[in-house]
Amino acid sequence: MSEPQETEHYEGTPGATKGKSRSLATWQEFEGEFVQREHEIASILPSTLSPERFKNWAIAAVKQNPELLECTPRSLFQAIIRSAQDGILPDGREGVIGVYNTKVKKRGQEYWEKQAQWNPMAFGLRKRARELDGLLIDAQVVHEKDHFVWHQGDDPRIEHEPAKLGTDRGKMIGAYAIFKREDKTIIAREVMDMTQINTVREQSKQPDGLMWKKFTTEAWRKTVLRRGIKSVPVSEGLQEIIRRDDETNFDFSDRPAEQILVPPPAPKALKSEPVQEDQKLPNILDDWADYLGRQKDELAAVSAPQEAQVIHDTVADSVQGAQERGEISAHDFDAIMARWEEMSAA
């Protein structure tokens, strides 16, 4: 079925206005929006990751996979923001932003569109576990020709000897993870067989997606690692990373997972030249009306206080950025924020 007219795409991509060079237009649109959101993205990065390094890898991820520009802008920046929230680089090793054809419904119409989806990988989760909790995690896959013994009881331990190098290790039959503190004390072991891992795969929103089809070994490591993290004492920060991954990539219940809706960029109607303090305020509020309205709709769609706070902070950052660029005056800033407080409280 055809796409509704209100579906947003970058210029030059499927569903967008025709007439511009696709490669140039899509990249210019992406770069422009990234610049608008750069402060927002930097504000949610952990101290362990510099904004410049994250920006470079996020841009590189899009350059290396131009198909991402065919995704809806909302889903692409949602994926980038989730990556920033996790403190995990979208570099293909720590995490990856994939492209998925997703069936969506709007005003009674169903159609397929490309959406970007953030997926932290085992390496990235191990990195954050170490940074947040001093937790060292070793996750490995077991093949049918490996020597593997799992001891439980009073003397729990795992023995794993991979098949000799250069020989066929056979198919994958399971995976395990060992959790240690920095002093090398083992605090937990997690073991899953192929059936258990396939059950998790069936609960994935994309069971035949990039992670499970192309990075199969990585997906198995991540599965056992995620399950182990849920069974050991960890910080709230690490719990949030796993919770976001649950919401984004899995469906563990019959109800749809909640979505963290990414705020849209500031309205393009804003003037780029400096303004005077006596500029007519109603015009400024008109310029911001659509932006604030969409932010209010997104605020109404989230349930977690942390997600609501992200939207409030984004509004403040956007208005402050407009003032710093000379697009609005200090008086306008106060009036726009007052209007937002009034709207968000309603």
Protein backbone atom coordinates (compact mmCIF):
# COMPACT_ATOMS: atom_id res chain seq x y z
CA MET A 1 0.00 0.00 0.00
CA SER A 2 1.20 3.55 -0.61
CA GLU A 3 2.70 5.64 2.16
CA PRO A 4 0.66 8.39 3.80
CA GLN A 5 1.75 11.88 2.80
CA GLU A 6 2.79 12.82 6.33
CA THR A 7 5.49 10.12 6.55
CA GLU A 8 8.84 11.90 6.94
CA HIS A 9 11.88 10.97 4.88
CA TYR A 10 15.09 12.70 3.99
CA GLU A 11 15.12 14.55 0.69
CA GLY A 12 15.93 12.24 -2.20
CA THR A 13 14.95 9.01 -0.41
CA PRO A 14 11.89 6.87 -1.16
CA GLY A 15 8.77 8.81 -0.20
CA ALA A 16 10.54 12.19 -0.26
CA THR A 17 10.18 15.15 -2.59
CA LYS A 18 11.85 14.44 -5.91
CA GLY A 19 14.24 16.68 -7.78
CA LYS A 20 17.44 16.67 -5.73
CA SER A 21 20.44 14.45 -6.16
CA ARG A 22 19.73 11.56 -3.81
CA SER A 23 23.21 11.07 -2.39
CA LEU A 24 23.85 14.79 -1.84
CA ALA A 25 20.39 15.62 -0.54
CA THR A 26 20.21 12.75 1.91
CA TRP A 27 23.63 13.50 3.33
CA GLN A 28 22.94 17.23 3.67
CA GLU A 29 19.67 16.54 5.48
CA PHE A 30 21.36 14.10 7.85
CA GLU A 31 24.28 16.43 8.56
CA GLY A 32 21.97 19.35 9.18
CA GLU A 33 19.86 17.43 11.66
CA PHE A 34 22.93 15.99 13.37
CA VAL A 35 24.27 19.52 13.92
CA GLN A 36 20.93 20.56 15.43
CA ARG A 37 20.99 17.60 17.81
CA GLU A 38 24.71 17.57 18.56
CA HIS A 39 24.36 19.30 21.93
CA GLU A 40 21.47 17.04 22.90
CA ILE A 41 23.48 13.92 22.04
CA ALA A 42 26.59 15.19 23.86
CA SER A 43 24.53 15.91 27.00
CA ILE A 44 23.53 12.25 27.45
CA LEU A 45 26.92 10.64 26.80
CA PRO A 46 28.70 9.11 29.82
CA SER A 47 31.95 10.75 30.94
CA THR A 48 33.88 7.77 29.59
CA LEU A 49 33.03 8.68 25.99
CA SER A 50 33.98 12.00 24.40
CA PRO A 51 31.34 13.76 22.26
CA GLU A 52 33.83 14.17 19.40
CA ARG A 53 34.69 10.47 19.32
CA PHE A 54 31.02 9.47 19.42
CA LYS A 55 30.15 11.94 16.67
CA ASN A 56 32.91 10.60 14.42
CA TRP A 57 31.76 7.00 14.83
CA ALA A 58 28.07 7.86 14.38
CA ILE A 59 28.82 9.66 11.13
CA ALA A 60 31.13 6.84 10.04
CA ALA A 61 28.36 4.31 10.69
CA VAL A 62 26.07 6.15 8.27
CA LYS A 63 28.81 6.60 5.67
CA GLN A 64 29.64 2.89 5.81
CA ASN A 65 25.97 1.93 5.43
CA PRO A 66 24.27 4.52 3.18
CA GLU A 67 21.04 2.50 3.36
CA LEU A 68 20.55 4.05 6.80
CA LEU A 69 19.67 7.29 5.02
CA GLU A 70 16.70 5.51 3.47
CA CYS A 71 15.30 4.94 6.96
CA THR A 72 12.92 7.42 8.55
CA PRO A 73 14.91 10.26 10.18
CA ARG A 74 13.09 9.63 13.46
CA SER A 75 14.22 6.00 13.66
CA LEU A 76 17.80 6.84 12.65
CA PHE A 77 18.22 9.46 15.34
CA GLN A 78 16.39 7.29 17.84
CA ALA A 79 19.04 4.64 17.18
CA ILE A 80 21.88 7.16 17.53
CA ILE A 81 20.44 8.55 20.77
CA ARG A 82 20.01 5.06 22.23
CA SER A 83 23.64 4.36 21.38
CA ALA A 84 24.65 7.56 23.19
CA GLN A 85 22.48 6.71 26.21
CA ASP A 86 24.16 3.30 26.43
CA GLY A 87 27.64 4.81 26.10
CA ILE A 88 28.38 2.25 23.38
CA LEU A 89 29.89 3.20 20.02
CA PRO A 90 27.98 2.31 16.82
CA ASP A 91 31.24 1.06 15.32
CA GLY A 92 30.18 -2.48 14.35
CA ARG A 93 32.17 -3.96 17.23
CA GLU A 94 30.62 -2.41 20.34
CA GLY A 95 27.23 -1.98 18.68
CA VAL A 96 25.58 -1.75 15.29
CA ILE A 97 22.76 0.27 13.72
CA GLY A 98 20.85 -2.00 11.37
CA VAL A 99 18.19 -1.38 8.73
CA TYR A 100 14.89 -3.25 8.98
CA ASN A 101 11.76 -3.27 6.84
CA THR A 102 8.99 -2.63 9.32
CA LYS A 103 5.23 -2.75 8.80
CA VAL A 104 3.61 0.35 10.24
CA LYS A 105 0.02 1.51 10.41
CA LYS A 106 -1.21 5.07 10.23
CA ARG A 107 -4.81 6.26 9.85
CA GLY A 108 -5.98 2.77 8.96
CA GLN A 109 -3.32 2.20 6.31
CA GLU A 110 -0.57 -0.41 6.56
CA TYR A 111 2.67 -0.09 4.64
CA TRP A 112 6.34 -1.08 4.85
CA GLU A 113 9.08 1.40 5.61
CA LYS A 114 12.76 1.15 6.43
CA GLN A 115 13.62 1.86 10.04
CA ALA A 116 16.98 2.04 11.78
CA GLN A 117 17.44 -0.02 14.92
CA TRP A 118 20.18 0.16 17.56
CA ASN A 119 21.66 -3.13 18.74
CA PRO A 120 24.43 -3.20 21.38
CA MET A 121 26.77 -6.14 20.87
CA ALA A 122 28.46 -8.37 23.44
CA PHE A 123 31.71 -6.41 23.31
CA GLY A 124 29.92 -3.14 24.06
CA LEU A 125 27.97 -4.66 26.95
CA ARG A 126 31.18 -6.11 28.39
CA LYS A 127 32.84 -2.70 28.12
CA ARG A 128 30.01 -0.94 29.98
CA ALA A 129 29.86 -3.66 32.66
CA ARG A 130 33.54 -3.03 33.32
CA GLU A 131 33.19 0.77 33.32
CA LEU A 132 30.04 0.91 35.46
CA ASP A 133 30.54 -1.97 37.87
CA GLY A 134 34.12 -3.23 37.59
CA LEU A 135 32.58 -6.43 36.25
CA LEU A 136 34.71 -8.62 33.99
CA ILE A 137 32.68 -10.90 31.72
CA ASP A 138 33.95 -13.71 29.52
CA ALA A 139 31.32 -15.01 27.09
CA GLN A 140 32.03 -17.92 24.73
CA VAL A 141 30.19 -20.19 22.32
CA VAL A 142 30.48 -23.99 22.61
CA HIS A 143 30.64 -26.18 19.48
CA GLU A 144 29.70 -29.85 19.32
CA LYS A 145 33.32 -31.02 18.86
CA ASP A 146 34.66 -28.96 21.77
CA HIS A 147 35.35 -30.53 25.16
CA PHE A 148 32.86 -28.93 27.54
CA VAL A 149 31.98 -29.91 31.11
CA TRP A 150 29.75 -27.87 33.39
CA HIS A 151 30.04 -28.76 37.08
CA GLN A 152 27.38 -27.67 39.55
CA GLY A 153 27.02 -28.40 43.27
CA ASP A 154 29.56 -27.61 46.00
CA ASP A 155 32.41 -27.09 43.52
CA PRO A 156 30.87 -25.26 40.54
CA ARG A 157 33.15 -24.72 37.55
CA ILE A 158 33.25 -24.80 33.78
CA GLU A 159 35.76 -26.71 31.67
CA HIS A 160 35.93 -25.69 28.04
CA GLU A 161 38.58 -26.84 25.60
CA PRO A 162 37.83 -25.81 21.99
CA ALA A 163 38.59 -28.28 19.21
CA LYS A 164 42.12 -28.05 17.86
CA LEU A 165 42.84 -25.05 15.66
CA GLY A 166 42.40 -25.79 11.99
CA THR A 167 39.81 -28.50 12.57
CA ASP A 168 36.05 -28.34 12.18
CA ARG A 169 34.50 -27.51 15.55
CA GLY A 170 31.05 -28.58 14.40
CA LYS A 171 27.82 -26.66 14.86
CA MET A 172 27.20 -24.35 17.79
CA ILE A 173 25.39 -26.12 20.63
CA GLY A 174 25.45 -23.60 23.48
CA ALA A 175 27.10 -20.62 25.14
CA TYR A 176 28.27 -19.58 28.58
CA ALA A 177 29.38 -16.48 30.47
CA ILE A 178 31.61 -16.14 33.53
CA PHE A 179 31.24 -13.02 35.70
CA LYS A 180 34.21 -11.83 37.79
CA ARG A 181 34.97 -8.87 39.99
CA GLU A 182 38.16 -6.92 39.34
CA ASP A 183 39.98 -9.03 41.94
CA LYS A 184 39.16 -12.06 39.70
CA THR A 185 36.61 -13.46 42.18
CA ILE A 186 33.97 -15.39 40.23
CA ILE A 187 30.49 -14.30 41.29
CA ALA A 188 28.35 -16.11 38.72
CA ARG A 189 28.31 -18.48 35.75
CA GLU A 190 25.58 -18.66 33.14
CA VAL A 191 25.12 -21.53 30.69
CA MET A 192 22.53 -21.84 27.91
CA ASP A 193 22.01 -24.62 25.39
CA MET A 194 20.91 -24.21 21.77
CA THR A 195 17.22 -24.68 22.59
CA GLN A 196 17.27 -21.92 25.20
CA ILE A 197 19.10 -19.55 22.86
CA ASN A 198 16.67 -20.26 20.02
CA THR A 199 13.78 -19.51 22.37
CA VAL A 200 15.28 -16.06 22.97
CA ARG A 201 15.75 -15.64 19.23
CA GLU A 202 12.06 -16.37 18.68
CA GLN A 203 11.25 -13.53 21.09
CA SER A 204 13.44 -11.13 19.12
CA LYS A 205 11.58 -8.53 17.08
CA GLN A 206 13.92 -9.37 14.20
CA PRO A 207 14.67 -13.15 14.49
CA ASP A 208 16.05 -13.17 10.95
CA GLY A 209 17.69 -9.76 11.21
CA LEU A 210 21.31 -8.68 10.89
CA MET A 211 22.33 -9.73 14.40
CA TRP A 212 21.01 -13.30 14.20
CA LYS A 213 21.85 -13.99 10.55
CA LYS A 214 25.20 -12.27 10.02
CA PHE A 215 26.60 -11.99 13.55
CA THR A 216 25.30 -15.34 14.81
CA THR A 217 28.21 -16.10 17.14
CA GLU A 218 27.98 -12.59 18.55
CA ALA A 219 24.21 -13.00 19.06
CA TRP A 220 24.75 -16.20 21.05
CA ARG A 221 27.41 -14.56 23.24
CA LYS A 222 25.15 -11.58 23.81
CA THR A 223 22.19 -13.78 24.71
CA VAL A 224 23.95 -15.63 27.52
CA LEU A 225 25.66 -12.44 28.69
CA ARG A 226 22.35 -10.56 28.92
CA ARG A 227 20.73 -13.37 30.87
CA GLY A 228 23.65 -13.49 33.29
CA ILE A 229 23.60 -9.72 33.88
CA LYS A 230 19.96 -10.03 34.97
CA SER A 231 20.94 -12.54 37.65
CA VAL A 232 23.87 -10.71 39.30
CA PRO A 233 23.93 -7.48 41.34
CA VAL A 234 24.66 -4.61 38.93
CA SER A 235 24.25 -0.83 38.91
CA GLU A 236 21.10 0.94 37.81
CA GLY A 237 23.01 2.24 34.79
CA LEU A 238 23.74 -1.25 33.50
CA GLN A 239 20.18 -2.34 34.24
CA GLU A 240 18.94 0.57 32.10
CA ILE A 241 21.10 -0.51 29.16
CA ILE A 242 19.62 -4.02 29.29
CA ARG A 243 16.09 -2.62 29.72
CA ARG A 244 16.48 -0.43 26.65
CA ASP A 245 17.77 -3.41 24.68
CA ASP A 246 14.72 -5.42 25.82
CA GLU A 247 12.37 -2.67 24.63
CA THR A 248 14.13 -2.11 21.32
CA ASN A 249 15.00 -5.61 20.18
CA PHE A 250 12.77 -8.09 22.03
CA ASP A 251 9.14 -8.76 22.84
CA PHE A 252 8.96 -10.80 26.03
CA SER A 253 5.24 -10.31 26.52
CA ASP A 254 2.01 -10.11 24.54
CA ARG A 255 1.91 -6.33 24.75
CA PRO A 256 3.93 -4.04 22.47
CA ALA A 257 7.16 -2.75 23.99
CA GLU A 258 7.19 0.92 24.92
CA GLN A 259 8.95 3.24 22.50
CA ILE A 260 11.30 6.04 23.44
CA LEU A 261 10.22 8.70 20.99
CA VAL A 262 13.03 10.94 19.84
CA PRO A 263 12.19 14.66 19.79
CA PRO A 264 12.16 16.29 16.34
CA PRO A 265 14.66 19.04 15.47
CA ALA A 266 13.87 22.70 16.05
CA PRO A 267 11.54 24.23 13.45
CA LYS A 268 13.21 25.26 10.20
CA ALA A 269 11.11 28.44 10.15
CA LEU A 270 13.44 30.11 12.64
CA LYS A 271 15.46 32.98 11.19
CA SER A 272 19.23 32.63 11.01
CA GLU A 273 20.04 36.36 11.43
CA PRO A 274 20.34 37.97 14.90
CA VAL A 275 17.16 39.45 16.33
CA GLN A 276 16.43 42.46 18.45
CA GLU A 277 14.95 42.40 21.94
CA ASP A 278 11.84 44.16 20.65
CA GLN A 279 11.04 41.52 18.01
CA LYS A 280 7.34 40.65 18.02
CA LEU A 281 6.91 37.71 20.35
CA PRO A 282 3.74 36.22 18.78
CA ASN A 283 5.69 35.51 15.58
CA ILE A 284 8.35 33.65 17.53
CA LEU A 285 5.77 31.59 19.38
CA ASP A 286 4.09 30.78 16.08
CA ASP A 287 7.43 29.55 14.74
CA TRP A 288 7.83 27.25 17.74
CA ALA A 289 4.20 26.12 18.02
CA ASP A 290 4.54 23.03 15.82
CA TYR A 291 7.78 21.96 17.49
CA LEU A 292 6.36 22.29 20.99
CA GLY A 293 3.19 20.51 19.93
CA ARG A 294 5.11 17.50 18.62
CA GLN A 295 7.20 17.44 21.79
CA LYS A 296 4.02 17.41 23.88
CA ASP A 297 2.69 14.46 21.85
CA GLU A 298 5.92 12.55 22.44
CA LEU A 299 5.86 13.39 26.13
CA ALA A 300 2.37 11.92 26.36
CA ALA A 301 3.59 8.71 24.69
CA VAL A 302 6.31 7.85 27.22
CA SER A 303 5.83 6.41 30.67
CA ALA A 304 9.24 6.26 32.35
CA PRO A 305 10.36 9.43 34.22
CA GLN A 306 13.82 9.15 32.62
CA GLU A 307 12.31 9.26 29.14
CA ALA A 308 10.15 12.24 30.02
CA GLN A 309 13.19 14.06 31.39
CA VAL A 310 15.06 13.49 28.13
CA ILE A 311 12.26 15.26 26.26
CA HIS A 312 12.17 18.18 28.75
CA ASP A 313 15.95 18.56 28.50
CA THR A 314 15.81 18.42 24.71
CA VAL A 315 13.31 21.27 24.56
CA ALA A 316 15.48 23.40 26.86
CA ASP A 317 18.60 22.60 24.82
CA SER A 318 16.86 23.43 21.53
CA VAL A 319 15.59 26.79 22.79
CA GLN A 320 18.92 27.64 24.38
CA GLY A 321 20.74 26.71 21.17
CA ALA A 322 18.46 29.03 19.17
CA GLN A 323 19.30 31.87 21.56
CA GLU A 324 23.03 31.18 21.36
CA ARG A 325 22.84 31.26 17.54
CA GLY A 326 21.09 34.65 17.69
CA GLU A 327 17.81 33.28 16.34
CA ILE A 328 15.78 34.42 19.37
CA SER A 329 16.27 36.93 22.15
CA ALA A 330 16.58 36.24 25.89
CA HIS A 331 13.01 37.51 26.33
CA ASP A 332 11.83 35.10 23.64
CA PHE A 333 13.66 32.26 25.41
CA ASP A 334 11.71 32.89 28.62
CA ALA A 335 8.40 33.10 26.77
CA ILE A 336 8.97 29.89 24.78
CA MET A 337 9.98 27.97 27.90
CA ALA A 338 6.95 29.33 29.75
CA ARG A 339 4.73 28.13 26.90
CA TRP A 340 6.39 24.69 27.05
CA GLU A 341 5.86 24.43 30.82
CA GLU A 342 2.21 25.35 30.34
CA MET A 343 1.74 22.81 27.53
CA SER A 344 3.62 19.95 29.20
CA ALA A 345 1.70 20.40 32.45
CA ALA A 346 -1.70 20.29 30.73
